[in-house]
Protein backbone atom coordinates (compact mmCIF):
# COMPACT_ATOMS: atom_id res chain seq x y z
CA MET A 1 21.44 1.63 -11.56
CA LEU A 2 18.59 -0.64 -10.69
CA ARG A 3 14.78 -0.21 -12.04
CA ALA A 4 11.42 -0.24 -10.86
CA ALA A 5 8.12 -0.34 -12.11
CA LEU A 6 5.71 1.29 -11.03
CA ILE A 7 1.93 0.43 -11.47
CA ASP A 8 -0.35 2.35 -12.23
CA LEU A 9 -4.01 0.70 -11.06
CA TYR A 10 -6.12 4.25 -10.44
CA ASN A 11 -7.22 3.39 -13.67
CA GLY A 12 -7.36 7.46 -14.92
CA GLU A 13 -8.64 8.44 -12.15
CA THR A 14 -7.57 11.76 -10.53
CA ASN A 15 -5.61 10.62 -7.59
CA ARG A 16 -2.55 11.96 -5.28
CA GLY A 17 -1.16 8.34 -5.76
CA ILE A 18 0.74 8.01 -8.18
CA PRO A 19 2.60 11.86 -8.10
CA MET A 20 3.67 10.75 -4.58
CA LEU A 21 4.56 8.29 -5.91
CA LYS A 22 5.99 9.52 -8.31
CA GLU A 23 8.06 12.18 -5.72
CA ILE A 24 9.94 9.47 -3.20
CA LEU A 25 11.03 7.63 -6.54
CA SER A 26 12.17 10.76 -7.91
CA ASN A 27 14.89 11.31 -4.56
CA TYR A 28 16.01 7.48 -5.20
CA ALA A 29 17.42 9.43 -9.26
CA ASN A 30 20.92 8.94 -8.45
CA VAL A 31 20.71 4.65 -7.55
CA ILE A 32 16.37 3.82 -9.55
CA ARG A 33 15.25 4.83 -12.64
CA PHE A 34 11.61 3.82 -12.64
CA ASP A 35 8.77 3.47 -15.53
CA HIS A 36 5.65 3.85 -15.04
CA PHE A 37 2.51 1.67 -16.27
CA ASP A 38 -0.89 3.04 -16.33
CA VAL A 39 -2.94 -0.22 -16.22
CA ARG A 40 -5.82 -0.48 -15.91
CA ALA A 41 -6.54 2.37 -19.40
CA LYS A 42 -3.55 1.19 -20.64
CA ASN A 43 -3.33 -2.33 -20.34
CA GLU A 44 0.68 -1.93 -19.62
CA ILE A 45 1.87 -4.51 -17.46
CA PRO A 46 5.48 -4.60 -16.46
CA ASP A 47 7.96 -7.71 -17.63
CA LEU A 48 10.07 -9.76 -15.19
CA SER A 49 12.74 -6.96 -15.75
CA TYR A 50 12.53 -4.88 -13.03
CA ASP A 51 14.56 -4.84 -9.59
CA ILE A 52 11.65 -3.42 -7.44
CA TYR A 53 7.64 -3.04 -8.19
CA LEU A 54 5.79 -0.59 -6.80
CA PHE A 55 2.11 -1.37 -7.16
CA SER A 56 -0.35 1.64 -6.36
CA GLY A 57 -3.93 2.02 -4.73
CA GLY A 58 -6.76 2.37 -6.97
CA PRO A 59 -10.39 2.66 -7.25
CA GLY A 60 -13.62 -0.22 -7.36
CA ASP A 61 -14.00 -3.59 -6.59
CA PRO A 62 -10.51 -5.17 -6.50
CA LEU A 63 -12.29 -8.39 -7.90
CA LEU A 64 -13.72 -7.22 -10.86
CA ASN A 65 -12.62 -8.27 -13.74
CA ASP A 66 -13.25 -5.41 -15.91
CA GLY A 67 -10.52 -5.12 -18.59
CA PRO A 68 -7.63 -7.34 -20.48
CA TRP A 69 -5.28 -5.75 -18.08
CA PHE A 70 -6.98 -7.81 -14.97
CA GLU A 71 -5.44 -11.60 -15.14
CA PRO A 72 -2.22 -10.62 -17.10
CA LEU A 73 -1.71 -8.68 -13.20
CA TYR A 74 -3.07 -11.42 -11.67
CA ALA A 75 -0.26 -13.71 -13.40
CA LEU A 76 2.40 -11.23 -12.36
CA PHE A 77 1.68 -11.70 -8.99
CA GLU A 78 2.12 -15.30 -9.02
CA GLN A 79 5.64 -15.21 -11.26
CA LEU A 80 7.30 -12.43 -9.42
CA TRP A 81 6.17 -14.99 -6.04
CA GLN A 82 8.09 -18.13 -8.31
CA TRP A 83 11.71 -15.85 -9.49
CA ASN A 84 12.22 -14.89 -5.60
CA LEU A 85 11.69 -18.68 -5.28
CA LYS A 86 15.32 -19.21 -7.49
CA ASP A 87 18.58 -18.48 -6.96
CA GLU A 88 18.17 -15.26 -8.71
CA PRO A 89 18.75 -11.30 -7.39
CA LYS A 90 15.25 -11.05 -5.27
CA LYS A 91 12.44 -9.37 -6.50
CA HIS A 92 11.37 -6.00 -3.85
CA CYS A 93 7.55 -5.23 -3.78
CA PHE A 94 5.44 -2.89 -2.41
CA PHE A 95 1.38 -3.54 -2.47
CA ILE A 96 -0.71 -0.39 -1.69
CA CYS A 97 -4.45 -0.47 -0.58
CA HIS A 98 -6.32 -1.64 -3.84
CA SER A 99 -2.94 -3.65 -4.94
CA PHE A 100 -2.63 -4.92 -1.72
CA GLN A 101 -6.52 -6.41 -1.68
CA MET A 102 -5.39 -7.92 -5.07
CA VAL A 103 -2.81 -9.72 -3.75
CA CYS A 104 -4.14 -10.95 -0.59
CA HIS A 105 -7.19 -12.56 -2.47
CA HIS A 106 -4.09 -13.92 -5.18
CA PHE A 107 -2.82 -15.73 -2.49
CA GLN A 108 -5.82 -16.70 0.06
CA LEU A 109 -4.66 -15.16 2.78
CA GLY A 110 -8.31 -13.91 3.73
CA GLU A 111 -11.39 -12.44 2.69
CA VAL A 112 -11.67 -10.23 0.71
CA THR A 113 -15.07 -8.08 0.88
CA LYS A 114 -16.95 -4.46 1.25
CA ARG A 115 -16.19 -2.13 4.31
CA TYR A 116 -20.39 -1.30 5.72
CA LYS A 117 -18.85 2.23 4.87
CA MET A 118 -16.28 3.86 3.04
CA SER A 119 -13.36 4.63 5.66
CA PHE A 120 -11.93 7.98 4.66
CA GLY A 121 -9.51 10.25 6.83
CA THR A 122 -7.18 9.11 8.98
CA TYR A 123 -6.58 6.75 11.28
CA PRO A 124 -4.73 4.37 14.38
CA VAL A 125 -3.34 0.88 13.05
CA HIS A 126 -1.88 -1.03 16.39
CA ARG A 127 0.91 -3.64 15.34
CA THR A 128 0.91 -7.45 16.00
CA HIS A 129 3.85 -8.74 17.35
CA ALA A 130 5.34 -9.48 14.09
CA GLY A 131 4.28 -5.88 13.62
CA LYS A 132 6.41 -4.85 16.28
CA GLN A 133 9.77 -6.03 15.25
CA GLU A 134 8.99 -4.67 11.01
CA PRO A 135 12.48 -3.29 10.07
CA PHE A 136 9.90 -0.97 7.89
CA PHE A 137 7.96 0.02 10.80
CA GLU A 138 11.67 1.21 12.94
CA GLY A 139 10.92 4.14 14.75
CA LEU A 140 7.51 4.60 14.33
CA PRO A 141 4.90 4.34 17.86
CA ASP A 142 2.54 2.07 18.05
CA PRO A 143 0.05 2.57 17.30
CA PHE A 144 0.99 4.92 14.43
CA TYR A 145 -1.18 6.96 12.74
CA ILE A 146 -1.82 6.39 8.50
CA ALA A 147 -4.03 7.75 5.90
CA ASP A 148 -6.71 5.39 5.06
CA PHE A 149 -9.09 5.88 2.07
CA ARG A 150 -11.01 2.36 1.47
CA ARG A 151 -14.04 0.75 0.54
CA TYR A 152 -13.10 -2.84 0.74
CA GLN A 153 -11.46 -4.69 3.55
CA VAL A 154 -9.12 -7.92 3.82
CA ILE A 155 -10.67 -9.54 7.00
CA LYS A 156 -10.76 -13.53 8.43
CA PRO A 157 -7.18 -13.66 7.78
CA ASN A 158 -6.33 -18.03 6.02
CA MET A 159 -4.54 -18.47 8.91
CA GLU A 160 -3.29 -21.79 7.51
CA ARG A 161 -2.18 -20.22 4.52
CA ILE A 162 -0.08 -17.32 6.30
CA LYS A 163 1.54 -20.36 7.97
CA ALA A 164 2.48 -22.43 5.14
CA MET A 165 3.80 -19.39 3.30
CA GLY A 166 5.82 -17.90 5.37
CA ALA A 167 3.85 -14.68 5.91
CA GLN A 168 3.09 -12.10 8.96
CA ILE A 169 0.34 -9.89 10.07
CA LEU A 170 2.13 -6.53 10.73
CA CYS A 171 -1.09 -4.32 11.25
CA LEU A 172 -4.50 -4.25 12.63
CA GLU A 173 -7.22 -1.59 12.31
CA LYS A 174 -8.33 0.65 14.50
CA LEU A 175 -10.21 -1.38 17.76
CA ARG A 176 -13.76 -0.44 17.67
CA PRO A 177 -14.95 -1.67 21.11
CA HIS A 178 -17.99 0.14 20.17
CA VAL A 179 -19.16 -1.81 16.95
CA THR A 180 -19.20 -6.01 16.13
CA TYR A 181 -17.29 -5.90 13.12
CA GLU A 182 -14.15 -7.62 12.45
CA ARG A 183 -11.02 -5.87 11.95
CA ALA A 184 -9.72 -5.67 9.08
CA LEU A 185 -5.67 -6.99 8.50
CA MET A 186 -3.83 -3.14 7.66
CA ALA A 187 -0.48 -4.84 6.70
CA VAL A 188 1.16 -8.11 6.04
CA ARG A 189 4.50 -9.21 4.80
CA LEU A 190 4.44 -12.19 2.54
CA SER A 191 7.96 -12.37 1.74
CA PRO A 192 11.03 -11.11 2.69
CA TYR A 193 10.89 -9.29 -0.27
CA MET A 194 7.02 -8.35 -0.75
CA ILE A 195 5.41 -6.19 1.65
CA GLY A 196 1.70 -4.95 1.37
CA THR A 197 -0.47 -2.11 3.67
CA GLN A 198 -3.79 -1.65 3.03
CA PHE A 199 -3.42 2.04 4.01
CA HIS A 200 -1.07 4.58 2.10
CA PRO A 201 2.54 5.43 3.46
CA GLU A 202 2.96 7.23 0.28
CA ALA A 203 0.39 9.51 1.51
CA ASP A 204 2.08 13.53 1.95
CA PRO A 205 0.55 15.14 4.77
CA ASN A 206 1.11 18.58 3.14
CA GLY A 207 0.34 17.75 -0.71
CA LEU A 208 -3.49 15.98 1.03
CA LEU A 209 -3.45 19.01 2.89
CA SER A 210 -3.28 21.75 -0.34
CA TYR A 211 -5.92 18.68 -2.12
CA PHE A 212 -7.83 18.20 0.72
CA MET A 213 -8.68 22.07 1.50
CA GLU A 214 -9.52 22.80 -1.94
CA GLU A 215 -12.49 24.66 -1.25
CA GLU A 216 -14.77 22.26 -3.58
CA ARG A 217 -13.18 18.89 -2.54
CA LYS A 218 -13.90 20.09 1.14
CA ASN A 219 -17.13 20.48 0.65
CA SER A 220 -17.84 17.41 -0.90
CA ILE A 221 -16.35 15.82 2.19
CA GLU A 222 -17.99 16.95 4.23
CA GLU A 223 -21.15 16.21 2.45
CA GLU A 224 -20.29 12.55 3.10
CA HIS A 225 -18.42 12.09 5.81
CA GLY A 226 -19.10 14.82 7.86
CA ALA A 227 -17.88 17.19 9.29
CA SER A 228 -16.07 16.53 12.14
CA ARG A 229 -14.27 13.63 10.22
CA TYR A 230 -12.74 15.66 7.88
CA GLU A 231 -11.42 18.29 10.56
CA ARG A 232 -9.86 15.84 12.44
CA MET A 233 -8.20 14.92 8.97
CA ILE A 234 -6.88 18.15 8.39
CA ARG A 235 -5.36 18.19 12.27
CA ASP A 236 -3.13 14.76 11.64
CA LEU A 237 -2.13 15.54 8.34
CA ALA A 238 -0.35 19.10 9.78
CA ASN A 239 0.59 17.24 13.17
CA PRO A 240 4.35 16.60 12.62
CA MET A 241 4.25 13.31 14.33
CA LYS A 242 1.09 11.28 13.02
CA ILE A 243 1.26 11.37 8.64
CA GLN A 244 4.48 13.04 8.63
CA ARG A 245 6.00 9.94 10.33
CA THR A 246 4.81 6.94 8.93
CA PHE A 247 5.21 9.41 4.96
CA ASN A 248 9.47 10.04 6.41
CA THR A 249 9.43 5.69 7.19
CA ILE A 250 7.86 3.68 5.36
CA ILE A 251 8.31 3.64 1.85
CA PRO A 252 12.01 4.54 2.10
CA ALA A 253 12.66 2.19 4.16
CA PHE A 254 12.01 -0.38 1.38
CA LEU A 255 13.85 1.53 -0.75
CA GLU A 256 16.77 1.44 1.72
CA HIS A 257 16.49 -2.15 2.39
CA ALA A 258 16.09 -2.84 -1.37
CA VAL A 259 18.96 -1.10 -2.76
CA GLU A 260 20.94 -2.07 -0.33
CA ALA A 261 20.12 -6.14 -0.26
CA LEU A 262 20.42 -5.48 -4.57
CA SER A 263 23.72 -3.96 -4.92
CA LEU A 264 25.06 -6.78 -2.73
CA MET A 265 24.49 -8.97 -4.90
CA PRO A 266 27.08 -9.84 -7.42
CA ALA A 267 27.75 -8.20 -10.86
């Protein structure tokens, strides 16, 4: 039985990310047993005994050292990278949103900055040449639709560092010809065993529809982001060719690849 660490960075805030990740992992209960680590609220950090590491999104500034968990989590990124350089069964890692920003900062892949305005809703993302070859995106159109909720971003990619690591930029933010802002990195493959997305591939459209259609939450979103943005998000969540395809594809492909690769390792 393989072991997975679900690394929760939501700091105790109510969210849909962790329940959705738990549900996805439960689909692999016959081959994967997982433990939940509440990093920011309880200072829980996994050791290196796990086979698979799923790092969640979360609120706040990804560069703010606001607790005893902060430096150990950055240390874990480096320990996982160094482990995978050894002739040992590899550690398969997926980073989402907040943790994506943190790991990009740690490896100096780009600049983490606050957005001029919060990104909230569903959007298309465009694949790079490397992204068009990415096996975890197989079957997705170009562009494909994602759920994106963030106040921070990774921009100004350090191409020298990316090349030195053997990393690849897989996706960029949607085209916005009417503004001068730089397009953010939306997905990066750090290595054959480590990949991250700025967006939320765990976003279950059915669960989010129920969540966002609650009257109080609907009113709050419309007040902050506008009725048109809210209505577009609801339409995209209900469209089986948009967020549903992303949900069905990326994390399942990551987990299935990890299971297959680790199952082939000699005992």
